[in-house]
Amino acid sequence: MGPGRWDAEALSRDLECSRRTVHRILQTLSLAGVPWYYDENTKAYRVRPGFKFPELGAVNEAPCAPPAHDRDQLKKIAQRLLSDSERLVESMRTLCSLLEPEVNSSRAKLR
C-alpha cells in the first residue's frame, strides 16, 4: 500500500523468498479477499485504494460469511486448487515409483 516498486523481484528480496513464493502469497491474498492488482504504470503490485485490512487481534468478532458472489468465486478457486493439488500428488507418486528402482539399486551397491 506504500510507495515504492513492489514487483515480484523486489517483494522476493524484501521477504527473503523466491518469486514463486511471492506469487503463492498473492494467490493466498486473493483467496482471503484482498483486492490486489498489478499496476503497469508503477510496475508494482498494489492493493485497491480504499481497502482496509481487518485489525489483527479482533478475536471477539464473529466471522462473517462473504457475499454469495464471493463464495461462488471462492468455491471455484478452491475446487481448482484441489484439482491442481490432486494432480500434483499423482505426479509425485509417479515420480517416486520411477525413482524407487534406482534408489534400491543404489542402496544395493552401497552394501
N, C-alpha and C. Protein backbone atom coordinates (compact mmCIF):
# COMPACT_ATOMS: atom_id res chain seq x y z
N MET A 1 0.83 -1.19 0.00
CA MET A 1 0.00 0.00 0.00
C MET A 1 0.87 1.26 0.00
N GLY A 2 2.11 1.12 0.35
CA GLY A 2 3.01 2.27 0.42
C GLY A 2 3.67 2.55 -0.91
N PRO A 3 4.48 3.60 -0.93
CA PRO A 3 5.19 3.93 -2.17
C PRO A 3 6.30 2.92 -2.40
N GLY A 4 6.81 2.93 -3.60
CA GLY A 4 7.92 2.05 -3.90
C GLY A 4 7.59 1.10 -5.02
N ARG A 5 8.63 0.44 -5.50
CA ARG A 5 8.48 -0.51 -6.60
C ARG A 5 8.35 -1.90 -6.00
N TRP A 6 7.15 -2.45 -6.01
CA TRP A 6 6.89 -3.74 -5.41
C TRP A 6 6.49 -4.76 -6.45
N ASP A 7 7.43 -5.07 -7.35
CA ASP A 7 7.18 -6.16 -8.29
C ASP A 7 7.59 -7.47 -7.61
N ALA A 8 7.43 -8.58 -8.30
CA ALA A 8 7.72 -9.88 -7.68
C ALA A 8 9.18 -9.98 -7.24
N GLU A 9 10.09 -9.42 -8.02
CA GLU A 9 11.51 -9.48 -7.68
C GLU A 9 11.80 -8.70 -6.40
N ALA A 10 11.28 -7.48 -6.30
CA ALA A 10 11.51 -6.65 -5.12
C ALA A 10 10.85 -7.28 -3.88
N LEU A 11 9.65 -7.81 -4.05
CA LEU A 11 8.98 -8.45 -2.93
C LEU A 11 9.75 -9.69 -2.47
N SER A 12 10.27 -10.47 -3.41
CA SER A 12 11.01 -11.67 -3.03
C SER A 12 12.28 -11.30 -2.26
N ARG A 13 12.93 -10.21 -2.68
CA ARG A 13 14.11 -9.76 -1.93
C ARG A 13 13.71 -9.29 -0.53
N ASP A 14 12.67 -8.49 -0.45
CA ASP A 14 12.24 -7.93 0.83
C ASP A 14 11.76 -9.02 1.79
N LEU A 15 11.06 -10.01 1.26
CA LEU A 15 10.52 -11.10 2.08
C LEU A 15 11.50 -12.26 2.23
N GLU A 16 12.63 -12.17 1.53
CA GLU A 16 13.64 -13.23 1.55
C GLU A 16 13.05 -14.58 1.17
N CYS A 17 12.40 -14.60 0.00
CA CYS A 17 11.80 -15.82 -0.51
C CYS A 17 11.92 -15.81 -2.03
N SER A 18 11.44 -16.86 -2.67
CA SER A 18 11.51 -16.93 -4.12
C SER A 18 10.36 -16.13 -4.75
N ARG A 19 10.50 -15.83 -6.03
CA ARG A 19 9.42 -15.15 -6.75
C ARG A 19 8.18 -16.05 -6.78
N ARG A 20 8.41 -17.35 -6.88
CA ARG A 20 7.27 -18.28 -6.89
C ARG A 20 6.48 -18.18 -5.58
N THR A 21 7.20 -18.05 -4.47
CA THR A 21 6.53 -17.90 -3.18
C THR A 21 5.72 -16.61 -3.16
N VAL A 22 6.26 -15.54 -3.74
CA VAL A 22 5.52 -14.27 -3.83
C VAL A 22 4.21 -14.49 -4.57
N HIS A 23 4.24 -15.23 -5.66
CA HIS A 23 3.01 -15.48 -6.42
C HIS A 23 2.03 -16.34 -5.63
N ARG A 24 2.55 -17.28 -4.83
CA ARG A 24 1.65 -18.07 -3.97
C ARG A 24 1.03 -17.17 -2.90
N ILE A 25 1.81 -16.25 -2.36
CA ILE A 25 1.28 -15.32 -1.35
C ILE A 25 0.18 -14.45 -1.98
N LEU A 26 0.42 -13.97 -3.20
CA LEU A 26 -0.59 -13.16 -3.88
C LEU A 26 -1.87 -13.97 -4.10
N GLN A 27 -1.71 -15.25 -4.43
CA GLN A 27 -2.88 -16.11 -4.61
C GLN A 27 -3.62 -16.27 -3.28
N THR A 28 -2.88 -16.42 -2.20
CA THR A 28 -3.50 -16.54 -0.88
C THR A 28 -4.23 -15.26 -0.51
N LEU A 29 -3.63 -14.11 -0.82
CA LEU A 29 -4.31 -12.84 -0.56
C LEU A 29 -5.61 -12.75 -1.33
N SER A 30 -5.60 -13.22 -2.58
CA SER A 30 -6.84 -13.23 -3.37
C SER A 30 -7.91 -14.08 -2.70
N LEU A 31 -7.51 -15.27 -2.23
CA LEU A 31 -8.47 -16.15 -1.56
C LEU A 31 -9.00 -15.52 -0.28
N ALA A 32 -8.17 -14.68 0.35
CA ALA A 32 -8.59 -14.01 1.58
C ALA A 32 -9.42 -12.76 1.30
N GLY A 33 -9.61 -12.44 0.03
CA GLY A 33 -10.45 -11.30 -0.32
C GLY A 33 -9.72 -9.98 -0.41
N VAL A 34 -8.38 -10.01 -0.44
CA VAL A 34 -7.62 -8.76 -0.57
C VAL A 34 -7.58 -8.39 -2.05
N PRO A 35 -8.12 -7.22 -2.41
CA PRO A 35 -8.21 -6.82 -3.82
C PRO A 35 -6.91 -6.21 -4.34
N TRP A 36 -5.93 -7.04 -4.68
CA TRP A 36 -4.66 -6.54 -5.19
C TRP A 36 -4.69 -6.56 -6.71
N TYR A 37 -3.81 -5.80 -7.30
CA TYR A 37 -3.68 -5.77 -8.76
C TYR A 37 -2.26 -5.36 -9.11
N TYR A 38 -1.87 -5.59 -10.35
CA TYR A 38 -0.55 -5.17 -10.81
C TYR A 38 -0.73 -3.87 -11.58
N ASP A 39 -0.08 -2.83 -11.10
CA ASP A 39 -0.15 -1.51 -11.73
C ASP A 39 0.95 -1.40 -12.77
N GLU A 40 0.57 -1.37 -14.04
CA GLU A 40 1.54 -1.29 -15.14
C GLU A 40 2.35 0.01 -15.11
N ASN A 41 1.71 1.10 -14.66
CA ASN A 41 2.41 2.39 -14.64
C ASN A 41 3.59 2.40 -13.68
N THR A 42 3.38 1.86 -12.49
CA THR A 42 4.44 1.86 -11.48
C THR A 42 5.21 0.55 -11.45
N LYS A 43 4.75 -0.42 -12.25
CA LYS A 43 5.36 -1.76 -12.26
C LYS A 43 5.40 -2.34 -10.86
N ALA A 44 4.25 -2.28 -10.18
CA ALA A 44 4.19 -2.72 -8.80
C ALA A 44 2.85 -3.37 -8.50
N TYR A 45 2.87 -4.32 -7.56
CA TYR A 45 1.62 -4.88 -7.05
C TYR A 45 1.06 -3.89 -6.04
N ARG A 46 -0.23 -3.67 -6.11
CA ARG A 46 -0.88 -2.70 -5.24
C ARG A 46 -2.17 -3.29 -4.69
N VAL A 47 -2.62 -2.71 -3.59
CA VAL A 47 -3.93 -3.04 -3.03
C VAL A 47 -4.87 -1.92 -3.46
N ARG A 48 -6.06 -2.31 -3.88
CA ARG A 48 -7.02 -1.31 -4.37
C ARG A 48 -7.21 -0.18 -3.36
N PRO A 49 -7.25 1.06 -3.84
CA PRO A 49 -7.45 2.21 -2.95
C PRO A 49 -8.74 2.05 -2.14
N GLY A 50 -8.68 2.41 -0.87
CA GLY A 50 -9.85 2.35 0.00
C GLY A 50 -9.98 1.04 0.75
N PHE A 51 -9.22 0.02 0.36
CA PHE A 51 -9.31 -1.26 1.07
C PHE A 51 -8.65 -1.12 2.44
N LYS A 52 -9.32 -1.62 3.46
CA LYS A 52 -8.79 -1.60 4.82
C LYS A 52 -8.60 -3.04 5.29
N PHE A 53 -7.40 -3.34 5.74
CA PHE A 53 -7.14 -4.65 6.31
C PHE A 53 -7.84 -4.74 7.66
N PRO A 54 -8.42 -5.90 7.99
CA PRO A 54 -9.04 -6.03 9.32
C PRO A 54 -7.96 -5.95 10.39
N GLU A 55 -8.36 -5.46 11.54
CA GLU A 55 -7.41 -5.34 12.62
C GLU A 55 -7.02 -6.71 13.14
N LEU A 56 -5.75 -6.89 13.40
CA LEU A 56 -5.28 -8.13 13.99
C LEU A 56 -5.70 -8.17 15.45
N GLY A 57 -6.02 -9.33 15.92
CA GLY A 57 -6.36 -9.48 17.32
C GLY A 57 -7.81 -9.21 17.64
N ALA A 58 -8.64 -8.97 16.65
CA ALA A 58 -10.07 -8.75 16.89
C ALA A 58 -10.73 -10.12 17.05
N VAL A 59 -10.45 -10.76 18.18
CA VAL A 59 -10.87 -12.14 18.41
C VAL A 59 -12.34 -12.26 18.72
N ASN A 60 -12.92 -11.29 19.37
CA ASN A 60 -14.30 -11.40 19.83
C ASN A 60 -15.32 -11.26 18.72
N GLU A 61 -14.90 -10.79 17.57
CA GLU A 61 -15.83 -10.62 16.47
C GLU A 61 -16.14 -11.96 15.83
N ALA A 62 -17.41 -12.20 15.57
CA ALA A 62 -17.81 -13.42 14.89
C ALA A 62 -17.45 -13.28 13.41
N PRO A 63 -16.91 -14.33 12.80
CA PRO A 63 -16.58 -14.23 11.37
C PRO A 63 -17.86 -14.07 10.55
N CYS A 64 -17.79 -13.25 9.54
CA CYS A 64 -18.96 -13.07 8.68
C CYS A 64 -18.72 -13.78 7.37
N ALA A 65 -19.77 -14.32 6.83
CA ALA A 65 -19.66 -15.03 5.56
C ALA A 65 -19.52 -14.02 4.43
N PRO A 66 -18.71 -14.37 3.42
CA PRO A 66 -18.58 -13.46 2.28
C PRO A 66 -19.89 -13.42 1.49
N PRO A 67 -20.11 -12.37 0.73
CA PRO A 67 -21.31 -12.30 -0.11
C PRO A 67 -21.38 -13.50 -1.04
N ALA A 68 -22.59 -13.80 -1.50
CA ALA A 68 -22.81 -15.00 -2.32
C ALA A 68 -21.91 -15.05 -3.54
N HIS A 69 -21.75 -13.92 -4.25
CA HIS A 69 -20.92 -13.94 -5.45
C HIS A 69 -19.46 -14.21 -5.11
N ASP A 70 -18.99 -13.77 -3.94
CA ASP A 70 -17.63 -14.07 -3.49
C ASP A 70 -17.50 -15.54 -3.12
N ARG A 71 -18.53 -16.10 -2.50
CA ARG A 71 -18.50 -17.52 -2.13
C ARG A 71 -18.41 -18.39 -3.38
N ASP A 72 -19.18 -18.02 -4.41
CA ASP A 72 -19.14 -18.79 -5.65
C ASP A 72 -17.74 -18.74 -6.27
N GLN A 73 -17.15 -17.55 -6.27
CA GLN A 73 -15.81 -17.40 -6.83
C GLN A 73 -14.80 -18.17 -5.98
N LEU A 74 -14.92 -18.06 -4.66
CA LEU A 74 -14.01 -18.78 -3.77
C LEU A 74 -14.15 -20.29 -3.94
N LYS A 75 -15.38 -20.75 -4.13
CA LYS A 75 -15.61 -22.18 -4.32
C LYS A 75 -14.94 -22.66 -5.60
N LYS A 76 -15.06 -21.88 -6.68
CA LYS A 76 -14.41 -22.25 -7.94
C LYS A 76 -12.89 -22.30 -7.78
N ILE A 77 -12.35 -21.31 -7.10
CA ILE A 77 -10.90 -21.27 -6.88
C ILE A 77 -10.47 -22.45 -6.02
N ALA A 78 -11.22 -22.73 -4.97
CA ALA A 78 -10.88 -23.85 -4.09
C ALA A 78 -10.94 -25.18 -4.85
N GLN A 79 -11.95 -25.34 -5.69
CA GLN A 79 -12.06 -26.58 -6.47
C GLN A 79 -10.90 -26.71 -7.44
N ARG A 80 -10.49 -25.60 -8.05
CA ARG A 80 -9.36 -25.62 -8.97
C ARG A 80 -8.07 -25.96 -8.22
N LEU A 81 -7.88 -25.35 -7.05
CA LEU A 81 -6.69 -25.65 -6.24
C LEU A 81 -6.67 -27.11 -5.82
N LEU A 82 -7.82 -27.63 -5.44
CA LEU A 82 -7.91 -29.03 -5.04
C LEU A 82 -7.56 -29.94 -6.22
N SER A 83 -8.09 -29.63 -7.38
CA SER A 83 -7.80 -30.42 -8.57
C SER A 83 -6.31 -30.35 -8.91
N ASP A 84 -5.73 -29.14 -8.85
CA ASP A 84 -4.30 -28.99 -9.11
C ASP A 84 -3.48 -29.77 -8.09
N SER A 85 -3.91 -29.74 -6.84
CA SER A 85 -3.19 -30.46 -5.78
C SER A 85 -3.26 -31.96 -6.01
N GLU A 86 -4.42 -32.44 -6.42
CA GLU A 86 -4.56 -33.88 -6.69
C GLU A 86 -3.66 -34.30 -7.85
N ARG A 87 -3.56 -33.47 -8.88
CA ARG A 87 -2.67 -33.78 -10.00
C ARG A 87 -1.21 -33.77 -9.54
N LEU A 88 -0.87 -32.82 -8.67
CA LEU A 88 0.49 -32.76 -8.13
C LEU A 88 0.83 -34.02 -7.34
N VAL A 89 -0.10 -34.45 -6.48
CA VAL A 89 0.12 -35.65 -5.68
C VAL A 89 0.32 -36.85 -6.61
N GLU A 90 -0.50 -36.97 -7.62
CA GLU A 90 -0.38 -38.09 -8.55
C GLU A 90 0.96 -38.03 -9.30
N SER A 91 1.39 -36.86 -9.69
CA SER A 91 2.69 -36.70 -10.34
C SER A 91 3.83 -37.10 -9.41
N MET A 92 3.71 -36.71 -8.14
CA MET A 92 4.74 -37.07 -7.17
C MET A 92 4.78 -38.58 -6.95
N ARG A 93 3.62 -39.22 -6.91
CA ARG A 93 3.57 -40.69 -6.77
C ARG A 93 4.25 -41.35 -7.97
N THR A 94 3.96 -40.85 -9.16
CA THR A 94 4.57 -41.41 -10.36
C THR A 94 6.09 -41.23 -10.31
N LEU A 95 6.54 -40.04 -9.92
CA LEU A 95 7.97 -39.78 -9.82
C LEU A 95 8.62 -40.73 -8.81
N CYS A 96 8.01 -40.90 -7.66
CA CYS A 96 8.55 -41.80 -6.63
C CYS A 96 8.63 -43.23 -7.14
N SER A 97 7.60 -43.66 -7.85
CA SER A 97 7.62 -45.04 -8.37
C SER A 97 8.70 -45.21 -9.43
N LEU A 98 8.97 -44.17 -10.21
CA LEU A 98 10.04 -44.24 -11.20
C LEU A 98 11.41 -44.21 -10.55
N LEU A 99 11.54 -43.48 -9.45
CA LEU A 99 12.83 -43.37 -8.77
C LEU A 99 13.12 -44.57 -7.86
N GLU A 100 12.10 -45.28 -7.43
CA GLU A 100 12.28 -46.36 -6.47
C GLU A 100 13.26 -47.42 -6.94
N PRO A 101 13.17 -47.93 -8.19
CA PRO A 101 14.16 -48.93 -8.61
C PRO A 101 15.59 -48.38 -8.58
N GLU A 102 15.75 -47.12 -8.94
CA GLU A 102 17.08 -46.51 -8.94
C GLU A 102 17.62 -46.39 -7.51
N VAL A 103 16.77 -46.01 -6.58
CA VAL A 103 17.18 -45.88 -5.18
C VAL A 103 17.56 -47.25 -4.62
N ASN A 104 16.75 -48.27 -4.90
CA ASN A 104 17.05 -49.61 -4.42
C ASN A 104 18.35 -50.13 -5.02
N SER A 105 18.60 -49.84 -6.28
CA SER A 105 19.84 -50.24 -6.94
C SER A 105 21.04 -49.56 -6.29
N SER A 106 20.91 -48.27 -6.00
CA SER A 106 21.99 -47.52 -5.34
C SER A 106 22.27 -48.08 -3.95
N ARG A 107 21.25 -48.42 -3.22
CA ARG A 107 21.41 -48.99 -1.88
C ARG A 107 22.14 -50.32 -1.94
N ALA A 108 21.79 -51.14 -2.93
CA ALA A 108 22.42 -52.45 -3.07
C ALA A 108 23.90 -52.30 -3.37
N LYS A 109 24.29 -51.31 -4.15
CA LYS A 109 25.69 -51.07 -4.49
C LYS A 109 26.48 -50.63 -3.26
N LEU A 110 25.82 -49.90 -2.36
CA LEU A 110 26.50 -49.41 -1.15
C LEU A 110 26.78 -50.55 -0.17
N ARG A 111 25.99 -51.58 -0.22
CA ARG A 111 26.17 -52.70 0.72
C ARG A 111 27.31 -53.50 0.26
